[in-house]
Amino acid sequence: MTEKINSGGRNDGAKASQPTEPLVKVIAFIATLGGLLFGYDTGVIAGALLFMKHDLHLTSLTTGMVTSFLILGSAVGAIFAGRFADRFGRKKIILAMALIFMAGSLGCAMAPNVELMIMFRFILGLAVGGAAAIVPIYIAEIVPSNRRWQFVTLQELMIVSGQLIAYTSNAAINEVWGGETTWRWMLGVACVPAVILWVGMLFLPDTPRWYAMHGRYREARDVLERTRKSGRVEKELGEIRKSMDSKSEKHSRRQKTISVWMKRLVALGIGIAMLQQLSGVNTIMFYAPTMLQATGLSTNAALLATIANGVISVIMTFVGIMLLSRFGRRPLLLTGQIGCTCTLLAIGLVTWLMPETVNGHPDVVRSYLVLGGMLIFLSFQQGALSPVTWLLLSEMFPMRIRGMANGISVFAMQMTNFSIAFMFPILLETFGLTMSFFTFAAIGVGGGIFAIIFAPETQGKTLEQIEKHFKKNLQDDPAPQQSGS
C-alpha cells in the first residue's frame, strides 16, 4: 500500500513549469470560494461564541451543539452531495451549495433563540459538507494532471484564508460595534462570497470526466480544448475513454455493484479523512479564544491572539503547497501527523507543569506558551497534514464512484469532527486543558501508526493511472487480468 506509483516521467514540480490555460485559473478561483465559505463559517464561531453565550444564554451543552451541529450538517451534506454529484454533475451541486450558504448564513444571523440557531447551523453545515466533498473533485477532474497538486491544495488555502478572515472580522466588528449582538454581524457577512460563488459558477463548465462518464464525449472534448494545450487533448481524452471502456467497468456498471478493490479503497479514504480530524485541529480553530480565556487572557486579548492562528495557517498552507511539489504526499502526511502529536504532548506538559496563577494573577507566560504551542501545531497541521488529506481524497478514487466515495470519506471526517466539537466543551469543563491535550496526543500516536502502514503516494500521475495502480494492488484475484479477460 505504501508503494509509490511509478510516475513514468518528471515529478509534479518539474511539470508545473509548463504554462496553464487562463480559464483553469479562473475555474479554480471561483470554485474554491466554496472553501473560503467553509473556512469562514467554521472559524467565525470561535469569536461569536464569546458574545452569543450571553445573548442566547448558552450552557456547555448548547455551546457544543451550536458549534458541532454545523459539522453534523456537513457530514450529511457531504454524503448526499457526493452521490448527487455523480448523477447530476459537479457544477449543479456547487450551485446548490452556494444557495444553501446564503440561506444558512442569513438564518444564523437572524436567529432569535438557541433552537433556531442550532437548526440554521445544521442547514449551513449541509453547504459546508457539500463544498468540502465536491469542490476538490471538481478541480481535480478539470485541471491538468501536472497542476492538480497546486490547484486542489488551493482549496485548503482558501479554507484557512476564510478562517483568518473570520478571526480578523470578529476582532474588527467587536472593536467597531461591540455589544451582545455583535455576533449577528459576524455570522451574516458570509452571504457576500456565497453570492459571488453562485454567480461565478453559472458561467463555468462541468468536468470532462463527468461528461465522459455519462457518454457526453463531445462536451468532454470541448472542456479539454478550453483547459489544455492542443497537443494534450487527444491523449487525455483517449485515457478517459480507455478507463470508461474497460470490461470490468462495463460489467460493474451493468450490475450496479462496487468491486472489492473499490470498497477497500473507500475504507482507506475514510481512514485518511478521519486522521486529519483526530489530531484535534478544530478544537483549536473553534475554541481557541475559549481555551486562551481559560489560561487567563481577557476577551479582547484572546480574540486578537486567535488572529495569529489564522495568519500561521495561511502562511504554512503556502509552505505546504510548495513542499508538495518537492516531497510528495506520503512524506508530508507522516511529518504532519508526527509533528502534531508531539506538539499536543508539549502543550499538555506546559498546562500541567506551570502554575495557573502567579502572585494571585493569571500567569501570562503560561498563556502565551499555550498560544505558541497552538501556532506550532497549526504549522504542522496546515503545512502538511491538511493539504495532503484534501489532495489524496480528490485523486485516489476511481471515476465511477469518485463523488460518492469522496462524500463518504468527508462524511466520516465530519462525523469525527462533530463528535470532537460536541464533546470538547464538556471535556474541557470536566477534565481541564491538560487532560484534553494529552487525550488528543494519545489518539495521535495511533494515527501515526496508521499513516506509516497505509499512507499512499500518488505524485506525478493522471487520475486514470492512479486508478489503474489501486485496482492492481487492492483487488483480491489478479487472475482475470493474467488471463486477459
Protein backbone atom coordinates (compact mmCIF):
# COMPACT_ATOMS: atom_id res chain seq x y z
CA MET A 1 0.00 0.00 0.00
CA THR A 2 2.88 2.37 0.72
CA GLU A 3 4.46 1.72 -2.69
CA LYS A 4 4.92 4.86 -4.76
CA ILE A 5 3.08 4.89 -8.06
CA ASN A 6 5.63 4.96 -10.85
CA SER A 7 5.33 8.36 -12.48
CA GLY A 8 6.95 7.41 -15.73
CA GLY A 9 8.45 10.88 -16.08
CA ARG A 10 9.04 14.14 -14.34
CA ASN A 11 7.54 14.91 -10.96
CA ASP A 12 4.86 17.47 -10.22
CA GLY A 13 7.33 20.24 -9.58
CA ALA A 14 9.13 19.75 -12.89
CA LYS A 15 5.92 19.56 -14.88
CA ALA A 16 4.48 22.60 -13.14
CA SER A 17 6.80 24.81 -15.18
CA GLN A 18 4.52 24.22 -18.16
CA PRO A 19 2.05 27.10 -18.75
CA THR A 20 -1.55 26.82 -17.58
CA GLU A 21 -4.55 27.95 -19.60
CA PRO A 22 -6.11 31.13 -18.11
CA LEU A 23 -9.55 29.52 -17.82
CA VAL A 24 -8.12 26.92 -15.43
CA LYS A 25 -7.07 29.66 -13.02
CA VAL A 26 -10.49 31.30 -13.21
CA ILE A 27 -12.23 27.97 -12.59
CA ALA A 28 -10.00 27.19 -9.60
CA PHE A 29 -10.50 30.61 -8.02
CA ILE A 30 -14.29 30.68 -8.35
CA ALA A 31 -14.82 27.05 -7.29
CA THR A 32 -12.60 27.42 -4.22
CA LEU A 33 -14.80 30.22 -2.92
CA GLY A 34 -16.65 27.21 -1.52
CA GLY A 35 -13.52 26.55 0.54
CA LEU A 36 -13.43 30.19 1.65
CA LEU A 37 -17.01 29.86 2.90
CA PHE A 38 -16.15 26.54 4.54
CA GLY A 39 -13.32 28.25 6.42
CA TYR A 40 -15.28 31.37 7.36
CA ASP A 41 -18.32 29.51 8.66
CA THR A 42 -16.22 27.10 10.75
CA GLY A 43 -13.88 29.83 12.03
CA VAL A 44 -16.36 32.62 12.79
CA ILE A 45 -17.99 30.67 15.62
CA ALA A 46 -14.77 30.91 17.68
CA GLY A 47 -15.30 34.63 18.29
CA ALA A 48 -19.09 34.66 18.02
CA LEU A 49 -19.44 32.26 20.96
CA LEU A 50 -17.93 34.83 23.34
CA PHE A 51 -20.95 37.12 22.72
CA MET A 52 -23.59 34.57 21.79
CA LYS A 53 -23.32 32.75 25.11
CA HIS A 54 -24.71 35.85 26.88
CA ASP A 55 -27.30 36.86 24.28
CA LEU A 56 -28.68 33.33 23.79
CA HIS A 57 -27.85 32.10 27.34
CA LEU A 58 -25.72 29.19 26.19
CA THR A 59 -24.68 26.36 28.53
CA SER A 60 -21.77 23.96 27.97
CA LEU A 61 -24.24 21.61 26.26
CA THR A 62 -25.79 24.19 23.93
CA THR A 63 -22.37 25.71 23.19
CA GLY A 64 -21.27 22.30 21.96
CA MET A 65 -24.48 21.94 19.94
CA VAL A 66 -24.20 25.37 18.27
CA THR A 67 -20.62 24.57 17.27
CA SER A 68 -20.99 20.93 16.35
CA PHE A 69 -24.34 20.94 14.53
CA LEU A 70 -22.71 22.74 11.62
CA ILE A 71 -20.32 19.80 11.46
CA LEU A 72 -23.17 17.28 11.77
CA GLY A 73 -24.88 19.03 8.86
CA SER A 74 -21.66 18.96 6.88
CA ALA A 75 -21.41 15.19 7.33
CA VAL A 76 -24.94 14.76 5.95
CA GLY A 77 -24.28 17.28 3.18
CA ALA A 78 -21.07 15.54 2.11
CA ILE A 79 -22.59 12.10 1.67
CA PHE A 80 -25.65 13.33 -0.25
CA ALA A 81 -23.70 15.82 -2.35
CA GLY A 82 -21.22 13.11 -3.31
CA ARG A 83 -23.95 10.80 -4.57
CA PHE A 84 -25.89 13.54 -6.37
CA ALA A 85 -22.71 14.92 -7.97
CA ASP A 86 -22.09 11.60 -9.72
CA ARG A 87 -25.63 11.71 -11.09
CA PHE A 88 -26.34 15.37 -11.81
CA GLY A 89 -22.87 16.87 -12.18
CA ARG A 90 -20.31 18.64 -10.04
CA LYS A 91 -21.31 22.12 -11.23
CA LYS A 92 -25.01 21.81 -10.31
CA ILE A 93 -24.18 20.65 -6.80
CA ILE A 94 -21.79 23.55 -6.20
CA LEU A 95 -24.51 25.96 -7.41
CA ALA A 96 -26.97 24.40 -4.96
CA MET A 97 -24.40 24.65 -2.15
CA ALA A 98 -23.98 28.39 -2.83
CA LEU A 99 -27.72 28.94 -2.34
CA ILE A 100 -27.68 26.96 0.91
CA PHE A 101 -24.69 29.01 2.10
CA MET A 102 -26.73 32.17 1.58
CA ALA A 103 -29.85 30.87 3.33
CA GLY A 104 -27.92 29.35 6.24
CA SER A 105 -25.83 32.48 6.86
CA LEU A 106 -28.89 34.75 6.95
CA GLY A 107 -30.77 32.31 9.17
CA CYS A 108 -27.92 32.13 11.69
CA ALA A 109 -27.50 35.91 11.75
CA MET A 110 -31.20 36.49 12.49
CA ALA A 111 -31.86 33.53 14.82
CA PRO A 112 -33.89 34.79 17.84
CA ASN A 113 -33.15 31.79 20.10
CA VAL A 114 -30.76 28.91 20.54
CA GLU A 115 -33.13 26.35 18.98
CA LEU A 116 -33.30 28.19 15.65
CA MET A 117 -29.57 28.92 15.81
CA ILE A 118 -28.84 25.19 16.06
CA MET A 119 -31.25 24.45 13.17
CA PHE A 120 -29.68 27.04 10.84
CA ARG A 121 -26.17 25.96 11.80
CA PHE A 122 -27.17 22.46 10.66
CA ILE A 123 -28.53 23.86 7.35
CA LEU A 124 -25.35 25.87 6.86
CA GLY A 125 -23.42 22.67 7.52
CA LEU A 126 -25.11 20.98 4.56
CA ALA A 127 -23.37 23.50 2.30
CA VAL A 128 -20.05 23.23 4.16
CA GLY A 129 -20.01 19.44 3.71
CA GLY A 130 -21.16 19.57 0.11
CA ALA A 131 -18.44 22.07 -0.76
CA ALA A 132 -15.80 20.04 1.09
CA ALA A 133 -16.71 16.89 -0.84
CA ILE A 134 -17.30 18.28 -4.35
CA VAL A 135 -15.04 21.30 -4.88
CA PRO A 136 -11.76 19.29 -4.68
CA ILE A 137 -13.18 16.69 -7.09
CA TYR A 138 -14.35 19.40 -9.49
CA ILE A 139 -10.89 20.94 -9.54
CA ALA A 140 -9.01 17.61 -9.73
CA GLU A 141 -11.09 16.49 -12.72
CA ILE A 142 -10.87 19.73 -14.66
CA VAL A 143 -7.24 20.87 -14.23
CA PRO A 144 -4.21 19.28 -15.99
CA SER A 145 -2.57 16.44 -14.02
CA ASN A 146 0.71 18.33 -13.69
CA ARG A 147 -1.12 21.15 -11.87
CA ARG A 148 -3.51 19.05 -9.80
CA TRP A 149 -1.43 19.24 -6.61
CA GLN A 150 -1.31 23.02 -6.87
CA PHE A 151 -4.94 23.79 -7.64
CA VAL A 152 -6.54 21.20 -5.34
CA THR A 153 -4.44 22.44 -2.41
CA LEU A 154 -5.69 25.93 -3.26
CA GLN A 155 -8.91 24.66 -1.64
CA GLU A 156 -7.04 24.23 1.66
CA LEU A 157 -5.51 27.69 1.26
CA MET A 158 -8.98 29.18 0.78
CA ILE A 159 -10.28 27.31 3.84
CA VAL A 160 -7.59 28.72 6.13
CA SER A 161 -7.93 32.14 4.47
CA GLY A 162 -11.65 32.04 5.28
CA GLN A 163 -10.80 31.24 8.89
CA LEU A 164 -8.31 34.13 9.01
CA ILE A 165 -10.94 36.49 7.57
CA ALA A 166 -13.36 35.24 10.23
CA TYR A 167 -10.90 35.87 13.08
CA THR A 168 -9.95 39.30 11.73
CA SER A 169 -13.53 40.40 11.09
CA ASN A 170 -14.56 39.14 14.55
CA ALA A 171 -11.98 41.41 16.18
CA ALA A 172 -12.80 44.34 13.85
CA ILE A 173 -16.58 44.08 14.29
CA ASN A 174 -16.16 43.85 18.06
CA GLU A 175 -13.90 46.92 18.02
CA VAL A 176 -16.28 48.97 15.86
CA TRP A 177 -19.69 47.90 17.16
CA GLY A 178 -19.23 45.78 20.28
CA GLY A 179 -22.21 44.73 22.39
CA GLU A 180 -24.08 41.48 22.86
CA THR A 181 -25.49 41.42 19.29
CA THR A 182 -22.05 41.71 17.64
CA TRP A 183 -22.17 38.02 16.73
CA ARG A 184 -25.08 38.59 14.31
CA TRP A 185 -22.90 40.73 12.05
CA MET A 186 -20.09 38.19 12.33
CA LEU A 187 -22.32 35.40 11.02
CA GLY A 188 -24.14 37.42 8.34
CA VAL A 189 -21.04 38.56 6.43
CA ALA A 190 -20.72 35.11 4.81
CA CYS A 191 -23.57 35.94 2.39
CA VAL A 192 -21.24 38.05 0.24
CA PRO A 193 -18.85 35.31 -1.01
CA ALA A 194 -21.81 32.94 -1.34
CA VAL A 195 -23.41 35.27 -3.91
CA ILE A 196 -20.11 35.56 -5.82
CA LEU A 197 -19.73 31.75 -5.87
CA TRP A 198 -23.25 31.27 -7.25
CA VAL A 199 -22.89 33.90 -9.97
CA GLY A 200 -19.41 32.70 -10.96
CA MET A 201 -20.37 29.03 -11.25
CA LEU A 202 -23.19 29.88 -13.67
CA PHE A 203 -20.55 30.63 -16.34
CA LEU A 204 -18.24 27.63 -15.75
CA PRO A 205 -18.44 24.17 -17.39
CA ASP A 206 -18.74 20.81 -15.69
CA THR A 207 -15.72 18.48 -15.73
CA PRO A 208 -14.65 16.47 -18.81
CA ARG A 209 -14.58 13.28 -16.77
CA TRP A 210 -18.18 13.71 -15.58
CA TYR A 211 -19.28 14.36 -19.17
CA ALA A 212 -17.42 11.22 -20.31
CA MET A 213 -18.93 9.13 -17.52
CA HIS A 214 -22.35 9.98 -18.98
CA GLY A 215 -21.31 9.37 -22.58
CA ARG A 216 -21.13 13.08 -23.47
CA TYR A 217 -17.72 12.94 -25.14
CA ARG A 218 -18.33 15.95 -27.36
CA GLU A 219 -18.75 18.18 -24.32
CA ALA A 220 -15.79 16.50 -22.63
CA ARG A 221 -13.61 17.33 -25.63
CA ASP A 222 -14.86 20.93 -25.59
CA VAL A 223 -13.83 21.40 -21.93
CA LEU A 224 -10.43 19.81 -22.58
CA GLU A 225 -9.84 22.11 -25.55
CA ARG A 226 -10.59 25.12 -23.34
CA THR A 227 -8.38 23.99 -20.44
CA ARG A 228 -5.44 22.18 -22.14
CA LYS A 229 -2.78 22.88 -24.71
CA SER A 230 -3.86 21.41 -28.06
CA GLY A 231 -1.26 18.62 -28.00
CA ARG A 232 -2.68 17.16 -24.78
CA VAL A 233 -6.36 16.99 -25.66
CA GLU A 234 -6.43 13.77 -27.72
CA LYS A 235 -4.10 11.88 -25.38
CA GLU A 236 -6.09 12.75 -22.26
CA LEU A 237 -9.45 12.09 -23.92
CA GLY A 238 -8.09 8.71 -25.02
CA GLU A 239 -7.08 7.85 -21.45
CA ILE A 240 -10.54 8.82 -20.20
CA ARG A 241 -12.22 6.69 -22.90
CA LYS A 242 -9.99 3.73 -22.09
CA SER A 243 -10.84 3.99 -18.41
CA MET A 244 -14.57 4.09 -19.17
CA ASP A 245 -14.47 1.28 -21.74
CA SER A 246 -12.66 -1.39 -19.70
CA LYS A 247 -14.55 -4.71 -19.48
CA SER A 248 -14.64 -4.75 -15.69
CA GLU A 249 -16.08 -1.23 -15.58
CA LYS A 250 -18.78 -2.12 -18.13
CA HIS A 251 -19.70 -5.18 -16.08
CA SER A 252 -19.80 -3.20 -12.84
CA ARG A 253 -22.00 -0.51 -14.37
CA ARG A 254 -24.41 -3.12 -15.70
CA GLN A 255 -24.60 -4.90 -12.35
CA LYS A 256 -24.68 -1.63 -10.34
CA THR A 257 -22.09 -3.15 -8.00
CA ILE A 258 -18.90 -1.85 -6.45
CA SER A 259 -15.81 -4.04 -6.79
CA VAL A 260 -13.97 -5.35 -3.73
CA TRP A 261 -10.91 -3.21 -4.50
CA MET A 262 -13.10 -0.12 -4.62
CA LYS A 263 -14.55 -0.92 -1.20
CA ARG A 264 -11.04 -1.32 0.19
CA LEU A 265 -10.03 1.99 -1.35
CA VAL A 266 -13.04 3.73 0.21
CA ALA A 267 -12.04 2.25 3.59
CA LEU A 268 -8.54 3.68 3.11
CA GLY A 269 -10.04 7.06 2.20
CA ILE A 270 -12.17 7.01 5.36
CA GLY A 271 -9.07 6.32 7.44
CA ILE A 272 -7.11 9.19 5.85
CA ALA A 273 -10.06 11.57 6.27
CA MET A 274 -10.53 10.69 9.95
CA LEU A 275 -6.80 11.06 10.56
CA GLN A 276 -7.00 14.77 9.72
CA GLN A 277 -9.66 15.43 12.38
CA LEU A 278 -8.35 13.13 15.12
CA SER A 279 -5.41 15.49 15.51
CA GLY A 280 -7.88 17.80 17.27
CA VAL A 281 -7.26 20.70 14.88
CA ASN A 282 -10.79 22.05 15.00
CA THR A 283 -10.82 22.23 18.79
CA ILE A 284 -8.14 24.90 18.31
CA MET A 285 -9.92 26.55 15.35
CA PHE A 286 -13.33 26.56 17.10
CA TYR A 287 -12.37 27.04 20.73
CA ALA A 288 -9.04 28.91 20.70
CA PRO A 289 -10.47 32.08 22.36
CA THR A 290 -12.29 29.94 24.94
CA MET A 291 -9.11 27.98 25.75
CA LEU A 292 -6.99 31.14 25.91
CA GLN A 293 -9.56 32.71 28.23
CA ALA A 294 -9.24 29.61 30.40
CA THR A 295 -5.50 30.29 30.70
CA GLY A 296 -6.17 33.84 31.93
CA LEU A 297 -6.31 36.11 28.85
CA SER A 298 -9.04 38.76 28.55
CA THR A 299 -11.72 38.57 25.85
CA ASN A 300 -10.06 41.17 23.61
CA ALA A 301 -6.61 39.62 24.06
CA ALA A 302 -7.99 36.15 23.27
CA LEU A 303 -9.68 37.42 20.09
CA LEU A 304 -6.54 39.22 18.90
CA ALA A 305 -4.31 36.26 19.78
CA THR A 306 -6.56 33.96 17.75
CA ILE A 307 -5.79 36.02 14.63
CA ALA A 308 -2.24 34.65 14.92
CA ASN A 309 -3.71 31.16 14.44
CA GLY A 310 -5.27 32.28 11.17
CA VAL A 311 -2.10 34.02 9.94
CA ILE A 312 0.07 30.97 10.65
CA SER A 313 -2.48 28.70 8.95
CA VAL A 314 -2.38 30.77 5.74
CA ILE A 315 1.43 31.08 5.70
CA MET A 316 2.00 27.37 6.38
CA THR A 317 -0.53 26.34 3.73
CA PHE A 318 1.57 28.30 1.20
CA VAL A 319 4.63 26.43 2.50
CA GLY A 320 2.80 23.10 2.26
CA ILE A 321 1.84 23.74 -1.37
CA MET A 322 5.50 24.35 -2.22
CA LEU A 323 6.69 21.31 -0.28
CA LEU A 324 4.19 19.04 -2.05
CA SER A 325 5.95 19.60 -5.38
CA ARG A 326 9.26 18.50 -3.87
CA PHE A 327 8.48 15.73 -1.41
CA GLY A 328 5.19 14.16 -2.43
CA ARG A 329 2.11 13.16 -0.45
CA ARG A 330 3.29 10.41 1.91
CA PRO A 331 6.35 12.15 3.48
CA LEU A 332 4.32 15.28 4.24
CA LEU A 333 1.44 13.27 5.71
CA LEU A 334 3.82 11.46 8.08
CA THR A 335 5.63 14.68 9.02
CA GLY A 336 2.36 16.45 9.77
CA GLN A 337 0.96 13.62 11.87
CA ILE A 338 4.11 13.15 13.98
CA GLY A 339 4.61 16.90 14.40
CA CYS A 340 1.02 17.50 15.54
CA THR A 341 1.19 14.67 18.07
CA CYS A 342 4.46 15.87 19.62
CA THR A 343 3.17 19.45 19.85
CA LEU A 344 -0.05 18.39 21.60
CA LEU A 345 2.04 16.50 24.14
CA ALA A 346 4.19 19.60 24.71
CA ILE A 347 1.15 21.87 25.24
CA GLY A 348 -0.26 19.36 27.72
CA LEU A 349 3.03 19.42 29.65
CA VAL A 350 3.00 23.25 29.76
CA THR A 351 -0.53 23.38 31.20
CA TRP A 352 0.32 20.58 33.66
CA LEU A 353 3.68 21.78 34.97
CA MET A 354 3.24 25.57 35.01
CA PRO A 355 1.06 27.26 37.68
CA GLU A 356 -2.19 28.91 36.60
CA THR A 357 -1.56 31.99 38.73
CA VAL A 358 1.48 33.93 39.95
CA ASN A 359 1.03 36.21 42.98
CA GLY A 360 -2.73 35.95 42.61
CA HIS A 361 -2.76 36.93 38.93
CA PRO A 362 -3.10 34.72 35.82
CA ASP A 363 0.28 33.50 34.57
CA VAL A 364 0.62 35.38 31.27
CA VAL A 365 3.75 33.40 30.35
CA ARG A 366 1.73 30.18 30.57
CA SER A 367 -0.99 31.67 28.36
CA TYR A 368 1.44 32.71 25.65
CA LEU A 369 3.30 29.39 25.78
CA VAL A 370 -0.04 27.68 25.11
CA LEU A 371 -0.65 30.10 22.22
CA GLY A 372 2.87 29.39 20.90
CA GLY A 373 2.16 25.65 21.08
CA MET A 374 -1.06 26.18 19.12
CA LEU A 375 0.88 28.03 16.41
CA ILE A 376 3.48 25.26 16.12
CA PHE A 377 0.68 22.67 16.00
CA LEU A 378 -1.03 24.60 13.18
CA SER A 379 2.28 24.80 11.30
CA PHE A 380 2.37 21.01 11.07
CA GLN A 381 -1.39 20.67 10.52
CA GLN A 382 -1.85 23.30 7.81
CA GLY A 383 1.61 22.95 6.28
CA ALA A 384 1.46 19.19 5.86
CA LEU A 385 -1.43 17.12 7.19
CA SER A 386 -4.47 19.05 5.92
CA PRO A 387 -3.41 19.89 2.32
CA VAL A 388 -2.22 16.31 1.73
CA THR A 389 -5.53 14.94 3.04
CA TRP A 390 -7.68 17.02 0.67
CA LEU A 391 -5.37 16.27 -2.25
CA LEU A 392 -5.36 12.50 -1.69
CA LEU A 393 -9.14 12.36 -1.30
CA SER A 394 -9.66 14.26 -4.55
CA GLU A 395 -7.46 11.97 -6.64
CA MET A 396 -7.41 8.46 -5.15
CA PHE A 397 -10.91 7.21 -6.07
CA PRO A 398 -11.94 5.74 -9.46
CA MET A 399 -14.05 7.93 -11.72
CA ARG A 400 -17.25 5.88 -11.49
CA ILE A 401 -17.58 6.30 -7.71
CA ARG A 402 -15.44 9.42 -7.16
CA GLY A 403 -18.24 11.67 -5.94
CA MET A 404 -19.87 9.02 -3.75
CA ALA A 405 -16.55 7.75 -2.32
CA ASN A 406 -15.27 11.23 -1.53
CA GLY A 407 -18.64 12.06 0.02
CA ILE A 408 -18.42 9.00 2.27
CA SER A 409 -14.86 9.91 3.28
CA VAL A 410 -15.79 13.52 4.07
CA PHE A 411 -18.85 12.21 5.94
CA ALA A 412 -16.51 10.15 8.15
CA MET A 413 -14.21 13.16 8.55
CA GLN A 414 -17.02 15.46 9.59
CA MET A 415 -18.67 12.94 11.91
CA THR A 416 -15.31 12.67 13.67
CA ASN A 417 -15.17 16.45 13.70
CA PHE A 418 -18.74 16.62 15.04
CA SER A 419 -18.00 14.21 17.88
CA ILE A 420 -14.90 16.16 18.90
CA ALA A 421 -16.56 19.59 18.62
CA PHE A 422 -19.60 18.45 20.60
CA MET A 423 -17.63 16.76 23.39
CA PHE A 424 -14.77 19.23 23.75
CA PRO A 425 -16.56 21.89 25.89
CA ILE A 426 -17.70 19.12 28.22
CA LEU A 427 -14.22 17.56 28.21
CA LEU A 428 -12.65 20.97 28.92
CA GLU A 429 -15.09 21.74 31.76
CA THR A 430 -14.78 18.29 33.33
CA PHE A 431 -11.08 17.46 32.98
CA GLY A 432 -9.39 20.77 32.11
CA LEU A 433 -6.90 21.76 29.41
CA THR A 434 -4.13 19.35 30.41
CA MET A 435 -6.08 16.10 30.03
CA SER A 436 -7.73 17.42 26.85
CA PHE A 437 -4.37 17.87 25.13
CA PHE A 438 -2.99 14.59 26.46
CA THR A 439 -6.05 12.77 25.11
CA PHE A 440 -5.50 14.10 21.58
CA ALA A 441 -1.78 13.31 21.80
CA ALA A 442 -2.58 9.68 22.66
CA ILE A 443 -5.01 9.46 19.72
CA GLY A 444 -2.27 10.95 17.53
CA VAL A 445 0.08 8.07 18.31
CA GLY A 446 -2.48 5.63 16.88
CA GLY A 447 -2.96 7.87 13.86
CA GLY A 448 0.77 7.91 13.24
CA ILE A 449 0.90 4.11 13.18
CA PHE A 450 -1.96 4.06 10.65
CA ALA A 451 -0.18 6.60 8.42
CA ILE A 452 3.11 4.67 8.48
CA ILE A 453 1.37 1.45 7.41
CA PHE A 454 -1.23 2.69 4.91
CA ALA A 455 -0.43 6.18 3.55
CA PRO A 456 -0.11 6.01 -0.28
CA GLU A 457 2.00 8.07 -2.69
CA THR A 458 0.27 9.34 -5.85
CA GLN A 459 2.62 12.06 -7.05
CA GLY A 460 3.04 12.74 -10.77
CA LYS A 461 0.24 10.60 -12.26
CA THR A 462 -3.03 11.20 -14.04
CA LEU A 463 -6.27 10.18 -12.34
CA GLU A 464 -6.57 7.23 -14.72
CA GLN A 465 -3.07 5.98 -13.86
CA ILE A 466 -3.80 6.26 -10.13
CA GLU A 467 -6.99 4.25 -10.63
CA LYS A 468 -5.07 1.54 -12.50
CA HIS A 469 -2.49 1.33 -9.71
CA PHE A 470 -5.01 0.92 -6.89
CA LYS A 471 -7.02 -1.61 -8.89
CA LYS A 472 -3.90 -3.72 -9.41
CA ASN A 473 -2.81 -3.58 -5.76
CA LEU A 474 -6.14 -3.85 -3.93
CA GLN A 475 -8.11 -6.46 -5.85
CA ASP A 476 -8.35 -10.00 -4.50
CA ASP A 477 -7.56 -12.05 -7.54
CA PRO A 478 -5.26 -10.84 -10.31
CA ALA A 479 -6.09 -13.96 -12.34
CA PRO A 480 -8.66 -12.25 -14.61
CA GLN A 481 -6.04 -9.75 -15.73
CA GLN A 482 -3.49 -12.51 -16.31
CA SER A 483 -5.90 -14.49 -18.42
CA GLY A 484 -6.77 -11.41 -20.48
CA SER A 485 -10.44 -11.47 -19.57
